PDB file of N, CA and C in Angstrom:
ATOM      1  N   UNK A   1     -38.767  -1.893 234.120  1.00  0.00           N
ATOM      2  CA  UNK A   1     -38.577  -2.261 232.726  1.00  0.00           C
ATOM      3  C   UNK A   1     -37.904  -3.616 232.594  1.00  0.00           C
ATOM      4  N   UNK A   2     -37.399  -4.136 233.661  1.00  0.00           N
ATOM      5  CA  UNK A   2     -36.775  -5.438 233.583  1.00  0.00           C
ATOM      6  C   UNK A   2     -35.310  -5.400 233.224  1.00  0.00           C
ATOM      7  N   UNK A   3     -34.627  -4.307 233.530  1.00  0.00           N
ATOM      8  CA  UNK A   3     -33.200  -4.200 233.244  1.00  0.00           C
ATOM      9  C   UNK A   3     -32.393  -5.121 234.148  1.00  0.00           C
ATOM     10  N   UNK A   4     -31.159  -5.389 233.724  1.00  0.00           N
ATOM     11  CA  UNK A   4     -30.263  -6.261 234.481  1.00  0.00           C
ATOM     12  C   UNK A   4     -29.003  -5.473 234.823  1.00  0.00           C
ATOM     13  N   UNK A   5     -28.585  -5.517 236.086  1.00  0.00           N
ATOM     14  CA  UNK A   5     -27.357  -4.817 236.492  1.00  0.00           C
ATOM     15  C   UNK A   5     -26.160  -5.731 236.299  1.00  0.00           C
ATOM     16  N   UNK A   6     -25.052  -5.128 235.810  1.00  0.00           N
ATOM     17  CA  UNK A   6     -23.811  -5.875 235.601  1.00  0.00           C
ATOM     18  C   UNK A   6     -22.629  -5.041 236.060  1.00  0.00           C
ATOM     19  N   UNK A   7     -21.498  -5.681 236.287  1.00  0.00           N
ATOM     20  CA  UNK A   7     -20.283  -4.898 236.546  1.00  0.00           C
ATOM     21  C   UNK A   7     -19.945  -4.070 235.300  1.00  0.00           C
ATOM     22  N   UNK A   8     -19.439  -2.865 235.474  1.00  0.00           N
ATOM     23  CA  UNK A   8     -19.145  -2.009 234.313  1.00  0.00           C
ATOM     24  C   UNK A   8     -18.226  -2.662 233.283  1.00  0.00           C
ATOM     25  N   UNK A   9     -17.314  -3.499 233.718  1.00  0.00           N
ATOM     26  CA  UNK A   9     -16.390  -4.158 232.795  1.00  0.00           C
ATOM     27  C   UNK A   9     -17.063  -5.168 231.881  1.00  0.00           C
ATOM     28  N   UNK A  10     -18.250  -5.595 232.222  1.00  0.00           N
ATOM     29  CA  UNK A  10     -18.975  -6.564 231.403  1.00  0.00           C
ATOM     30  C   UNK A  10     -19.983  -5.896 230.465  1.00  0.00           C
ATOM     31  N   UNK A  11     -20.008  -4.577 230.469  1.00  0.00           N
ATOM     32  CA  UNK A  11     -20.974  -3.843 229.651  1.00  0.00           C
ATOM     33  C   UNK A  11     -20.698  -4.043 228.165  1.00  0.00           C
ATOM     34  N   UNK A  12     -21.757  -4.231 227.435  1.00  0.00           N
ATOM     35  CA  UNK A  12     -21.667  -4.325 225.983  1.00  0.00           C
ATOM     36  C   UNK A  12     -21.973  -2.972 225.360  1.00  0.00           C
ATOM     37  N   UNK A  13     -21.914  -2.901 224.037  1.00  0.00           N
ATOM     38  CA  UNK A  13     -22.120  -1.609 223.359  1.00  0.00           C
ATOM     39  C   UNK A  13     -23.538  -1.044 223.523  1.00  0.00           C
ATOM     40  N   UNK A  14     -24.520  -1.892 223.793  1.00  0.00           N
ATOM     41  CA  UNK A  14     -25.893  -1.410 223.955  1.00  0.00           C
ATOM     42  C   UNK A  14     -26.289  -1.185 225.413  1.00  0.00           C
ATOM     43  N   UNK A  15     -25.370  -1.466 226.336  1.00  0.00           N
ATOM     44  CA  UNK A  15     -25.662  -1.301 227.751  1.00  0.00           C
ATOM     45  C   UNK A  15     -25.419   0.150 228.173  1.00  0.00           C
ATOM     46  N   UNK A  16     -26.044   0.536 229.275  1.00  0.00           N
ATOM     47  CA  UNK A  16     -25.888   1.882 229.823  1.00  0.00           C
ATOM     48  C   UNK A  16     -24.993   1.782 231.049  1.00  0.00           C
ATOM     49  N   UNK A  17     -23.878   2.500 231.018  1.00  0.00           N
ATOM     50  CA  UNK A  17     -22.950   2.490 232.152  1.00  0.00           C
ATOM     51  C   UNK A  17     -23.201   3.750 232.975  1.00  0.00           C
ATOM     52  N   UNK A  18     -23.438   3.551 234.264  1.00  0.00           N
ATOM     53  CA  UNK A  18     -23.713   4.659 235.163  1.00  0.00           C
ATOM     54  C   UNK A  18     -22.472   4.981 235.988  1.00  0.00           C
ATOM     55  N   UNK A  19     -22.210   6.266 236.128  1.00  0.00           N
ATOM     56  CA  UNK A  19     -21.045   6.729 236.879  1.00  0.00           C
ATOM     57  C   UNK A  19     -21.484   7.524 238.093  1.00  0.00           C
ATOM     58  N   UNK A  20     -20.631   7.483 239.118  1.00  0.00           N
ATOM     59  CA  UNK A  20     -20.850   8.285 240.320  1.00  0.00           C
ATOM     60  C   UNK A  20     -19.529   8.936 240.676  1.00  0.00           C
ATOM     61  N   UNK A  21     -19.547  10.256 240.707  1.00  0.00           N
ATOM     62  CA  UNK A  21     -18.356  11.041 241.020  1.00  0.00           C
ATOM     63  C   UNK A  21     -17.162  10.613 240.177  1.00  0.00           C
ATOM     64  N   UNK A  22     -17.418  10.439 238.883  1.00  0.00           N
ATOM     65  CA  UNK A  22     -16.351  10.148 237.932  1.00  0.00           C
ATOM     66  C   UNK A  22     -15.960   8.691 237.805  1.00  0.00           C
ATOM     67  N   UNK A  23     -16.528   7.812 238.607  1.00  0.00           N
ATOM     68  CA  UNK A  23     -16.191   6.391 238.534  1.00  0.00           C
ATOM     69  C   UNK A  23     -17.390   5.601 238.030  1.00  0.00           C
ATOM     70  N   UNK A  24     -17.115   4.662 237.121  1.00  0.00           N
ATOM     71  CA  UNK A  24     -18.180   3.781 236.646  1.00  0.00           C
ATOM     72  C   UNK A  24     -18.540   2.809 237.759  1.00  0.00           C
ATOM     73  N   UNK A  25     -19.826   2.765 238.107  1.00  0.00           N
ATOM     74  CA  UNK A  25     -20.230   1.929 239.239  1.00  0.00           C
ATOM     75  C   UNK A  25     -21.091   0.741 238.843  1.00  0.00           C
ATOM     76  N   UNK A  26     -21.857   0.876 237.789  1.00  0.00           N
ATOM     77  CA  UNK A  26     -22.725  -0.230 237.392  1.00  0.00           C
ATOM     78  C   UNK A  26     -23.113  -0.042 235.924  1.00  0.00           C
ATOM     79  N   UNK A  27     -23.353  -1.151 235.273  1.00  0.00           N
ATOM     80  CA  UNK A  27     -23.889  -1.123 233.911  1.00  0.00           C
ATOM     81  C   UNK A  27     -25.296  -1.702 233.973  1.00  0.00           C
ATOM     82  N   UNK A  28     -26.158  -1.177 233.132  1.00  0.00           N
ATOM     83  CA  UNK A  28     -27.535  -1.655 233.080  1.00  0.00           C
ATOM     84  C   UNK A  28     -27.810  -2.159 231.672  1.00  0.00           C
ATOM     85  N   UNK A  29     -28.244  -3.391 231.594  1.00  0.00           N
ATOM     86  CA  UNK A  29     -28.637  -3.983 230.314  1.00  0.00           C
ATOM     87  C   UNK A  29     -30.155  -3.957 230.249  1.00  0.00           C
ATOM     88  N   UNK A  30     -30.660  -3.146 229.331  1.00  0.00           N
ATOM     89  CA  UNK A  30     -32.106  -3.025 229.160  1.00  0.00           C
ATOM     90  C   UNK A  30     -32.611  -4.138 228.251  1.00  0.00           C
ATOM     91  N   UNK A  31     -33.813  -4.621 228.513  1.00  0.00           N
ATOM     92  CA  UNK A  31     -34.355  -5.674 227.653  1.00  0.00           C
ATOM     93  C   UNK A  31     -34.727  -5.100 226.291  1.00  0.00           C
ATOM     94  N   UNK A  32     -34.875  -5.966 225.332  1.00  0.00           N
ATOM     95  CA  UNK A  32     -35.373  -5.529 224.038  1.00  0.00           C
ATOM     96  C   UNK A  32     -36.778  -4.995 224.231  1.00  0.00           C
ATOM     97  N   UNK A  33     -37.173  -4.040 223.408  1.00  0.00           N
ATOM     98  CA  UNK A  33     -38.490  -3.431 223.564  1.00  0.00           C
ATOM     99  C   UNK A  33     -39.606  -4.462 223.511  1.00  0.00           C
ATOM    100  N   UNK A  34     -39.470  -5.461 222.661  1.00  0.00           N
ATOM    101  CA  UNK A  34     -40.510  -6.488 222.570  1.00  0.00           C
ATOM    102  C   UNK A  34     -40.654  -7.222 223.904  1.00  0.00           C
ATOM    103  N   UNK A  35     -39.530  -7.481 224.585  1.00  0.00           N
ATOM    104  CA  UNK A  35     -39.586  -8.118 225.902  1.00  0.00           C
ATOM    105  C   UNK A  35     -40.290  -7.211 226.894  1.00  0.00           C
ATOM    106  N   UNK A  36     -40.023  -5.909 226.807  1.00  0.00           N
ATOM    107  CA  UNK A  36     -40.671  -4.955 227.699  1.00  0.00           C
ATOM    108  C   UNK A  36     -42.177  -4.959 227.485  1.00  0.00           C
ATOM    109  N   UNK A  37     -42.613  -5.050 226.243  1.00  0.00           N
ATOM    110  CA  UNK A  37     -44.045  -5.082 225.963  1.00  0.00           C
ATOM    111  C   UNK A  37     -44.678  -6.307 226.614  1.00  0.00           C
ATOM    112  N   UNK A  38     -44.028  -7.447 226.524  1.00  0.00           N
ATOM    113  CA  UNK A  38     -44.549  -8.653 227.177  1.00  0.00           C
ATOM    114  C   UNK A  38     -44.648  -8.452 228.689  1.00  0.00           C
ATOM    115  N   UNK A  39     -43.649  -7.782 229.268  1.00  0.00           N
ATOM    116  CA  UNK A  39     -43.674  -7.526 230.713  1.00  0.00           C
ATOM    117  C   UNK A  39     -44.795  -6.557 231.081  1.00  0.00           C
ATOM    118  N   UNK A  40     -45.005  -5.535 230.253  1.00  0.00           N
ATOM    119  CA  UNK A  40     -46.081  -4.582 230.503  1.00  0.00           C
ATOM    120  C   UNK A  40     -47.437  -5.281 230.430  1.00  0.00           C
ATOM    121  N   UNK A  41     -47.615  -6.131 229.417  1.00  0.00           N
ATOM    122  CA  UNK A  41     -48.880  -6.868 229.283  1.00  0.00           C
ATOM    123  C   UNK A  41     -49.103  -7.780 230.484  1.00  0.00           C
ATOM    124  N   UNK A  42     -48.058  -8.456 230.938  1.00  0.00           N
ATOM    125  CA  UNK A  42     -48.183  -9.341 232.105  1.00  0.00           C
ATOM    126  C   UNK A  42     -48.549  -8.536 233.353  1.00  0.00           C
ATOM    127  N   UNK A  43     -47.942  -7.359 233.516  1.00  0.00           N
ATOM    128  CA  UNK A  43     -48.255  -6.514 234.667  1.00  0.00           C
ATOM    129  C   UNK A  43     -49.693  -6.023 234.605  1.00  0.00           C
ATOM    130  N   UNK A  44     -50.163  -5.687 233.413  1.00  0.00           N
ATOM    131  CA  UNK A  44     -51.541  -5.238 233.265  1.00  0.00           C
ATOM    132  C   UNK A  44     -52.521  -6.366 233.599  1.00  0.00           C
ATOM    133  N   UNK A  45     -52.186  -7.570 233.191  1.00  0.00           N
ATOM    134  CA  UNK A  45     -53.045  -8.719 233.510  1.00  0.00           C
ATOM    135  C   UNK A  45     -53.077  -8.957 235.022  1.00  0.00           C
ATOM    136  N   UNK A  46     -51.908  -8.851 235.671  1.00  0.00           N
ATOM    137  CA  UNK A  46     -51.879  -9.018 237.129  1.00  0.00           C
ATOM    138  C   UNK A  46     -52.730  -7.951 237.809  1.00  0.00           C
ATOM    139  N   UNK A  47     -52.633  -6.718 237.322  1.00  0.00           N
ATOM    140  CA  UNK A  47     -53.416  -5.621 237.904  1.00  0.00           C
ATOM    141  C   UNK A  47     -54.917  -5.866 237.744  1.00  0.00           C
ATOM    142  N   UNK A  48     -55.304  -6.421 236.592  1.00  0.00           N
ATOM    143  CA  UNK A  48     -56.720  -6.709 236.341  1.00  0.00           C
ATOM    144  C   UNK A  48     -57.188  -7.936 237.112  1.00  0.00           C
ATOM    145  N   UNK A  49     -56.254  -8.785 237.500  1.00  0.00           N
ATOM    146  CA  UNK A  49     -56.614  -9.993 238.238  1.00  0.00           C
ATOM    147  C   UNK A  49     -57.075 -11.140 237.362  1.00  0.00           C
ATOM    148  N   UNK A  50     -56.910 -11.001 236.046  1.00  0.00           N
ATOM    149  CA  UNK A  50     -57.286 -12.070 235.123  1.00  0.00           C
ATOM    150  C   UNK A  50     -56.613 -11.814 233.777  1.00  0.00           C
ATOM    151  N   UNK A  51     -56.600 -12.818 232.912  1.00  0.00           N
ATOM    152  CA  UNK A  51     -56.003 -12.623 231.583  1.00  0.00           C
ATOM    153  C   UNK A  51     -56.692 -11.479 230.836  1.00  0.00           C
ATOM    154  N   UNK A  52     -55.915 -10.723 230.088  1.00  0.00           N
ATOM    155  CA  UNK A  52     -56.471  -9.588 229.351  1.00  0.00           C
ATOM    156  C   UNK A  52     -57.546 -10.016 228.363  1.00  0.00           C
ATOM    157  N   UNK A  53     -57.434 -11.219 227.837  1.00  0.00           N
ATOM    158  CA  UNK A  53     -58.428 -11.716 226.880  1.00  0.00           C
ATOM    159  C   UNK A  53     -59.809 -11.864 227.518  1.00  0.00           C
ATOM    160  N   UNK A  54     -59.880 -11.941 228.848  1.00  0.00           N
ATOM    161  CA  UNK A  54     -61.156 -12.102 229.538  1.00  0.00           C
ATOM    162  C   UNK A  54     -61.824 -10.766 229.890  1.00  0.00           C
ATOM    163  N   UNK A  55     -61.182  -9.654 229.577  1.00  0.00           N
ATOM    164  CA  UNK A  55     -61.757  -8.348 229.877  1.00  0.00           C
ATOM    165  C   UNK A  55     -62.901  -8.032 228.926  1.00  0.00           C
ATOM    166  N   UNK A  56     -63.792  -7.144 229.349  1.00  0.00           N
ATOM    167  CA  UNK A  56     -64.850  -6.700 228.444  1.00  0.00           C
ATOM    168  C   UNK A  56     -64.285  -5.677 227.453  1.00  0.00           C
ATOM    169  N   UNK A  57     -65.090  -5.324 226.476  1.00  0.00           N
ATOM    170  CA  UNK A  57     -64.626  -4.445 225.400  1.00  0.00           C
ATOM    171  C   UNK A  57     -64.111  -3.108 225.924  1.00  0.00           C
ATOM    172  N   UNK A  58     -64.841  -2.509 226.835  1.00  0.00           N
ATOM    173  CA  UNK A  58     -64.439  -1.207 227.369  1.00  0.00           C
ATOM    174  C   UNK A  58     -63.075  -1.298 228.068  1.00  0.00           C
ATOM    175  N   UNK A  59     -62.868  -2.336 228.839  1.00  0.00           N
ATOM    176  CA  UNK A  59     -61.594  -2.518 229.538  1.00  0.00           C
ATOM    177  C   UNK A  59     -60.456  -2.767 228.541  1.00  0.00           C
ATOM    178  N   UNK A  60     -60.740  -3.521 227.487  1.00  0.00           N
ATOM    179  CA  UNK A  60     -59.720  -3.754 226.456  1.00  0.00           C
ATOM    180  C   UNK A  60     -59.362  -2.450 225.755  1.00  0.00           C
ATOM    181  N   UNK A  61     -60.363  -1.608 225.513  1.00  0.00           N
ATOM    182  CA  UNK A  61     -60.088  -0.305 224.904  1.00  0.00           C
ATOM    183  C   UNK A  61     -59.191   0.526 225.810  1.00  0.00           C
ATOM    184  N   UNK A  62     -59.420   0.466 227.107  1.00  0.00           N
ATOM    185  CA  UNK A  62     -58.579   1.205 228.047  1.00  0.00           C
ATOM    186  C   UNK A  62     -57.153   0.666 228.045  1.00  0.00           C
ATOM    187  N   UNK A  63     -57.003  -0.645 227.959  1.00  0.00           N
ATOM    188  CA  UNK A  63     -55.672  -1.252 227.882  1.00  0.00           C
ATOM    189  C   UNK A  63     -54.933  -0.728 226.651  1.00  0.00           C
ATOM    190  N   UNK A  64     -55.609  -0.719 225.511  1.00  0.00           N
ATOM    191  CA  UNK A  64     -54.983  -0.241 224.273  1.00  0.00           C
ATOM    192  C   UNK A  64     -54.618   1.236 224.406  1.00  0.00           C
ATOM    193  N   UNK A  65     -55.490   2.022 225.000  1.00  0.00           N
ATOM    194  CA  UNK A  65     -55.209   3.450 225.199  1.00  0.00           C
ATOM    195  C   UNK A  65     -53.953   3.636 226.053  1.00  0.00           C
ATOM    196  N   UNK A  66     -53.856   2.885 227.119  1.00  0.00           N
ATOM    197  CA  UNK A  66     -52.695   2.954 228.005  1.00  0.00           C
ATOM    198  C   UNK A  66     -51.429   2.523 227.271  1.00  0.00           C
ATOM    199  N   UNK A  67     -51.523   1.432 226.530  1.00  0.00           N
ATOM    200  CA  UNK A  67     -50.362   0.928 225.798  1.00  0.00           C
ATOM    201  C   UNK A  67     -49.915   1.912 224.722  1.00  0.00           C
ATOM    202  N   UNK A  68     -50.870   2.539 224.058  1.00  0.00           N
ATOM    203  CA  UNK A  68     -50.506   3.522 223.040  1.00  0.00           C
ATOM    204  C   UNK A  68     -49.751   4.687 223.667  1.00  0.00           C
ATOM    205  N   UNK A  69     -50.217   5.137 224.837  1.00  0.00           N
ATOM    206  CA  UNK A  69     -49.545   6.237 225.535  1.00  0.00           C
ATOM    207  C   UNK A  69     -48.118   5.859 225.922  1.00  0.00           C
ATOM    208  N   UNK A  70     -47.873   4.570 226.147  1.00  0.00           N
ATOM    209  CA  UNK A  70     -46.535   4.085 226.507  1.00  0.00           C
ATOM    210  C   UNK A  70     -45.676   3.753 225.290  1.00  0.00           C
ATOM    211  N   UNK A  71     -46.218   3.941 224.091  1.00  0.00           N
ATOM    212  CA  UNK A  71     -45.444   3.693 222.881  1.00  0.00           C
ATOM    213  C   UNK A  71     -45.379   2.242 222.448  1.00  0.00           C
ATOM    214  N   UNK A  72     -46.298   1.435 222.934  1.00  0.00           N
ATOM    215  CA  UNK A  72     -46.258   0.001 222.642  1.00  0.00           C
ATOM    216  C   UNK A  72     -46.372  -0.312 221.160  1.00  0.00           C
ATOM    217  N   UNK A  73     -47.006   0.560 220.413  1.00  0.00           N
ATOM    218  CA  UNK A  73     -47.243   0.239 219.014  1.00  0.00           C
ATOM    219  C   UNK A  73     -46.122   0.712 218.094  1.00  0.00           C
ATOM    220  N   UNK A  74     -45.053   1.248 218.701  1.00  0.00           N
ATOM    221  CA  UNK A  74     -43.841   1.542 217.938  1.00  0.00           C
ATOM    222  C   UNK A  74     -42.932   0.323 217.890  1.00  0.00           C
ATOM    223  N   UNK A  75     -43.204  -0.647 218.754  1.00  0.00           N
ATOM    224  CA  UNK A  75     -42.428  -1.885 218.801  1.00  0.00           C
ATOM    225  C   UNK A  75     -42.838  -2.750 217.614  1.00  0.00           C
ATOM    226  N   UNK A  76     -41.853  -3.346 216.980  1.00  0.00           N
ATOM    227  CA  UNK A  76     -42.157  -4.232 215.854  1.00  0.00           C
ATOM    228  C   UNK A  76     -43.084  -5.343 216.337  1.00  0.00           C
ATOM    229  N   UNK A  77     -44.138  -5.572 215.604  1.00  0.00           N
ATOM    230  CA  UNK A  77     -45.164  -6.569 215.915  1.00  0.00           C
ATOM    231  C   UNK A  77     -45.941  -6.228 217.184  1.00  0.00           C
ATOM    232  N   UNK A  78     -45.913  -4.962 217.598  1.00  0.00           N
ATOM    233  CA  UNK A  78     -46.625  -4.543 218.803  1.00  0.00           C
ATOM    234  C   UNK A  78     -48.115  -4.775 218.702  1.00  0.00           C
ATOM    235  N   UNK A  79     -48.703  -4.424 217.559  1.00  0.00           N
ATOM    236  CA  UNK A  79     -50.152  -4.604 217.394  1.00  0.00           C
ATOM    237  C   UNK A  79     -50.495  -6.086 217.470  1.00  0.00           C
ATOM    238  N   UNK A  80     -49.706  -6.913 216.813  1.00  0.00           N
ATOM    239  CA  UNK A  80     -49.965  -8.347 216.831  1.00  0.00           C
ATOM    240  C   UNK A  80     -49.831  -8.918 218.247  1.00  0.00           C
ATOM    241  N   UNK A  81     -48.807  -8.465 218.969  1.00  0.00           N
ATOM    242  CA  UNK A  81     -48.583  -8.947 220.335  1.00  0.00           C
ATOM    243  C   UNK A  81     -49.754  -8.576 221.236  1.00  0.00           C
ATOM    244  N   UNK A  82     -50.192  -7.322 221.130  1.00  0.00           N
ATOM    245  CA  UNK A  82     -51.312  -6.854 221.953  1.00  0.00           C
ATOM    246  C   UNK A  82     -52.598  -7.574 221.556  1.00  0.00           C
ATOM    247  N   UNK A  83     -52.812  -7.736 220.261  1.00  0.00           N
ATOM    248  CA  UNK A  83     -54.014  -8.444 219.795  1.00  0.00           C
ATOM    249  C   UNK A  83     -54.060  -9.853 220.383  1.00  0.00           C
ATOM    250  N   UNK A  84     -52.934 -10.529 220.360  1.00  0.00           N
ATOM    251  CA  UNK A  84     -52.881 -11.879 220.927  1.00  0.00           C
ATOM    252  C   UNK A  84     -53.192 -11.894 222.414  1.00  0.00           C
ATOM    253  N   UNK A  85     -52.643 -10.930 223.142  1.00  0.00           N
ATOM    254  CA  UNK A  85     -52.885 -10.875 224.590  1.00  0.00           C
ATOM    255  C   UNK A  85     -54.341 -10.556 224.903  1.00  0.00           C
ATOM    256  N   UNK A  86     -54.964  -9.723 224.061  1.00  0.00           N
ATOM    257  CA  UNK A  86     -56.359  -9.344 224.288  1.00  0.00           C
ATOM    258  C   UNK A  86     -57.351 -10.352 223.710  1.00  0.00           C
ATOM    259  N   UNK A  87     -56.861 -11.269 222.885  1.00  0.00           N
ATOM    260  CA  UNK A  87     -57.753 -12.245 222.261  1.00  0.00           C
ATOM    261  C   UNK A  87     -58.638 -11.627 221.192  1.00  0.00           C
ATOM    262  N   UNK A  88     -58.095 -10.619 220.495  1.00  0.00           N
ATOM    263  CA  UNK A  88     -58.835  -9.941 219.429  1.00  0.00           C
ATOM    264  C   UNK A  88     -57.965  -9.906 218.175  1.00  0.00           C
ATOM    265  N   UNK A  89     -58.548  -9.424 217.089  1.00  0.00           N
ATOM    266  CA  UNK A  89     -57.789  -9.323 215.842  1.00  0.00           C
ATOM    267  C   UNK A  89     -56.960  -8.039 215.816  1.00  0.00           C
ATOM    268  N   UNK A  90     -55.998  -7.987 214.921  1.00  0.00           N
ATOM    269  CA  UNK A  90     -55.229  -6.746 214.709  1.00  0.00           C
ATOM    270  C   UNK A  90     -56.180  -5.622 214.319  1.00  0.00           C
ATOM    271  N   UNK A  91     -57.143  -5.932 213.474  1.00  0.00           N
ATOM    272  CA  UNK A  91     -58.115  -4.946 213.032  1.00  0.00           C
ATOM    273  C   UNK A  91     -58.823  -4.315 214.232  1.00  0.00           C
ATOM    274  N   UNK A  92     -59.189  -5.138 215.205  1.00  0.00           N
ATOM    275  CA  UNK A  92     -59.854  -4.638 216.409  1.00  0.00           C
ATOM    276  C   UNK A  92     -58.929  -3.720 217.195  1.00  0.00           C
ATOM    277  N   UNK A  93     -57.657  -4.084 217.310  1.00  0.00           N
ATOM    278  CA  UNK A  93     -56.701  -3.215 218.018  1.00  0.00           C
ATOM    279  C   UNK A  93     -56.610  -1.865 217.311  1.00  0.00           C
ATOM    280  N   UNK A  94     -56.528  -1.875 215.976  1.00  0.00           N
ATOM    281  CA  UNK A  94     -56.490  -0.605 215.242  1.00  0.00           C
ATOM    282  C   UNK A  94     -57.771   0.198 215.479  1.00  0.00           C
ATOM    283  N   UNK A  95     -58.905  -0.468 215.550  1.00  0.00           N
ATOM    284  CA  UNK A  95     -60.157   0.229 215.858  1.00  0.00           C
ATOM    285  C   UNK A  95     -60.105   0.859 217.248  1.00  0.00           C
ATOM    286  N   UNK A  96     -59.557   0.143 218.218  1.00  0.00           N
ATOM    287  CA  UNK A  96     -59.429   0.676 219.570  1.00  0.00           C
ATOM    288  C   UNK A  96     -58.490   1.888 219.587  1.00  0.00           C
ATOM    289  N   UNK A  97     -57.408   1.821 218.823  1.00  0.00           N
ATOM    290  CA  UNK A  97     -56.473   2.957 218.736  1.00  0.00           C
ATOM    291  C   UNK A  97     -57.194   4.162 218.142  1.00  0.00           C
ATOM    292  N   UNK A  98     -57.929   3.944 217.061  1.00  0.00           N
ATOM    293  CA  UNK A  98     -58.682   5.043 216.430  1.00  0.00           C
ATOM    294  C   UNK A  98     -59.712   5.617 217.397  1.00  0.00           C
ATOM    295  N   UNK A  99     -60.393   4.766 218.132  1.00  0.00           N
ATOM    296  CA  UNK A  99     -61.381   5.224 219.109  1.00  0.00           C
ATOM    297  C   UNK A  99     -60.713   6.095 220.173  1.00  0.00           C
ATOM    298  N   UNK A 100     -59.560   5.665 220.680  1.00  0.00           N
ATOM    299  CA  UNK A 100     -58.837   6.440 221.698  1.00  0.00           C
ATOM    300  C   UNK A 100     -58.428   7.801 221.140  1.00  0.00           C
ATOM    301  N   UNK A 101     -57.973   7.820 219.892  1.00  0.00           N
ATOM    302  CA  UNK A 101     -57.585   9.088 219.267  1.00  0.00           C
ATOM    303  C   UNK A 101     -58.785  10.024 219.110  1.00  0.00           C
ATOM    304  N   UNK A 102     -59.926   9.471 218.734  1.00  0.00           N
ATOM    305  CA  UNK A 102     -61.152  10.270 218.605  1.00  0.00           C
ATOM    306  C   UNK A 102     -61.562  10.852 219.958  1.00  0.00           C
ATOM    307  N   UNK A 103     -61.471  10.049 221.009  1.00  0.00           N
ATOM    308  CA  UNK A 103     -61.839  10.523 222.344  1.00  0.00           C
ATOM    309  C   UNK A 103     -60.911  11.646 222.807  1.00  0.00           C
ATOM    310  N   UNK A 104     -59.615  11.521 222.527  1.00  0.00           N
ATOM    311  CA  UNK A 104     -58.662  12.579 222.891  1.00  0.00           C
ATOM    312  C   UNK A 104     -58.967  13.866 222.121  1.00  0.00           C
ATOM    313  N   UNK A 105     -59.286  13.723 220.837  1.00  0.00           N
ATOM    314  CA  UNK A 105     -59.604  14.895 220.016  1.00  0.00           C
ATOM    315  C   UNK A 105     -60.849  15.599 220.554  1.00  0.00           C
ATOM    316  N   UNK A 106     -61.869  14.842 220.920  1.00  0.00           N
ATOM    317  CA  UNK A 106     -63.086  15.429 221.476  1.00  0.00           C
ATOM    318  C   UNK A 106     -62.795  16.139 222.798  1.00  0.00           C
ATOM    319  N   UNK A 107     -61.950  15.531 223.626  1.00  0.00           N
ATOM    320  CA  UNK A 107     -61.600  16.144 224.908  1.00  0.00           C
ATOM    321  C   UNK A 107     -60.853  17.458 224.688  1.00  0.00           C
ATOM    322  N   UNK A 108     -59.936  17.484 223.710  1.00  0.00           N
ATOM    323  CA  UNK A 108     -59.206  18.731 223.402  1.00  0.00           C
ATOM    324  C   UNK A 108     -60.161  19.811 222.925  1.00  0.00           C
ATOM    325  N   UNK A 109     -61.111  19.432 222.065  1.00  0.00           N
ATOM    326  CA  UNK A 109     -62.092  20.403 221.562  1.00  0.00           C
ATOM    327  C   UNK A 109     -62.910  20.969 222.715  1.00  0.00           C
ATOM    328  N   UNK A 110     -63.316  20.118 223.638  1.00  0.00           N
ATOM    329  CA  UNK A 110     -64.061  20.577 224.803  1.00  0.00           C
ATOM    330  C   UNK A 110     -63.248  21.518 225.679  1.00  0.00           C
ATOM    331  N   UNK A 111     -61.950  21.199 225.854  1.00  0.00           N
ATOM    332  CA  UNK A 111     -61.078  22.078 226.627  1.00  0.00           C
ATOM    333  C   UNK A 111     -60.926  23.435 225.967  1.00  0.00           C
ATOM    334  N   UNK A 112     -60.781  23.455 224.646  1.00  0.00           N
ATOM    335  CA  UNK A 112     -60.635  24.709 223.915  1.00  0.00           C
ATOM    336  C   UNK A 112     -61.895  25.558 224.043  1.00  0.00           C
ATOM    337  N   UNK A 113     -63.047  24.914 223.928  1.00  0.00           N
ATOM    338  CA  UNK A 113     -64.317  25.652 224.064  1.00  0.00           C
ATOM    339  C   UNK A 113     -64.447  26.248 225.460  1.00  0.00           C
ATOM    340  N   UNK A 114     -64.053  25.480 226.465  1.00  0.00           N
ATOM    341  CA  UNK A 114     -64.137  25.966 227.849  1.00  0.00           C
ATOM    342  C   UNK A 114     -63.269  27.196 228.046  1.00  0.00           C
ATOM    343  N   UNK A 115     -62.069  27.177 227.467  1.00  0.00           N
ATOM    344  CA  UNK A 115     -61.179  28.338 227.587  1.00  0.00           C
ATOM    345  C   UNK A 115     -61.734  29.548 226.856  1.00  0.00           C
ATOM    346  N   UNK A 116     -62.346  29.308 225.720  1.00  0.00           N
ATOM    347  CA  UNK A 116     -62.904  30.418 224.949  1.00  0.00           C
ATOM    348  C   UNK A 116     -64.125  31.008 225.642  1.00  0.00           C
ATOM    349  N   UNK A 117     -64.938  30.163 226.265  1.00  0.00           N
ATOM    350  CA  UNK A 117     -66.139  30.626 226.953  1.00  0.00           C
ATOM    351  C   UNK A 117     -65.814  31.293 228.289  1.00  0.00           C
ATOM    352  N   UNK A 118     -64.718  30.860 228.882  1.00  0.00           N
ATOM    353  CA  UNK A 118     -64.357  31.320 230.231  1.00  0.00           C
ATOM    354  C   UNK A 118     -63.598  32.548 230.218  1.00  0.00           C
TER     355      UNK A 118
END
């Protein structure tokens, strides 16, 4: 996630202080969620081996599905950030989110039918 370790005495109110056997040993400063989204997008681009904007439609839909599962769209301006990284409009990102939701719903319906038939 890109956290930063600090001495416990330097911890701020938003930092997480970790203890071991009753003693504070380290503080962790987590990045802002928006920074984490940028890091996730960069990692996804590295995994793909090219900028996300160069992916085909199906691959971009998979990226959006993965990001939605990670809560990326709860981050302020998350849709805009993802749209920029993918080289598409916000409207397209919302369409990809809707498509992913439809696919999950169809998969659940299929699972339910299988259980009822089995």
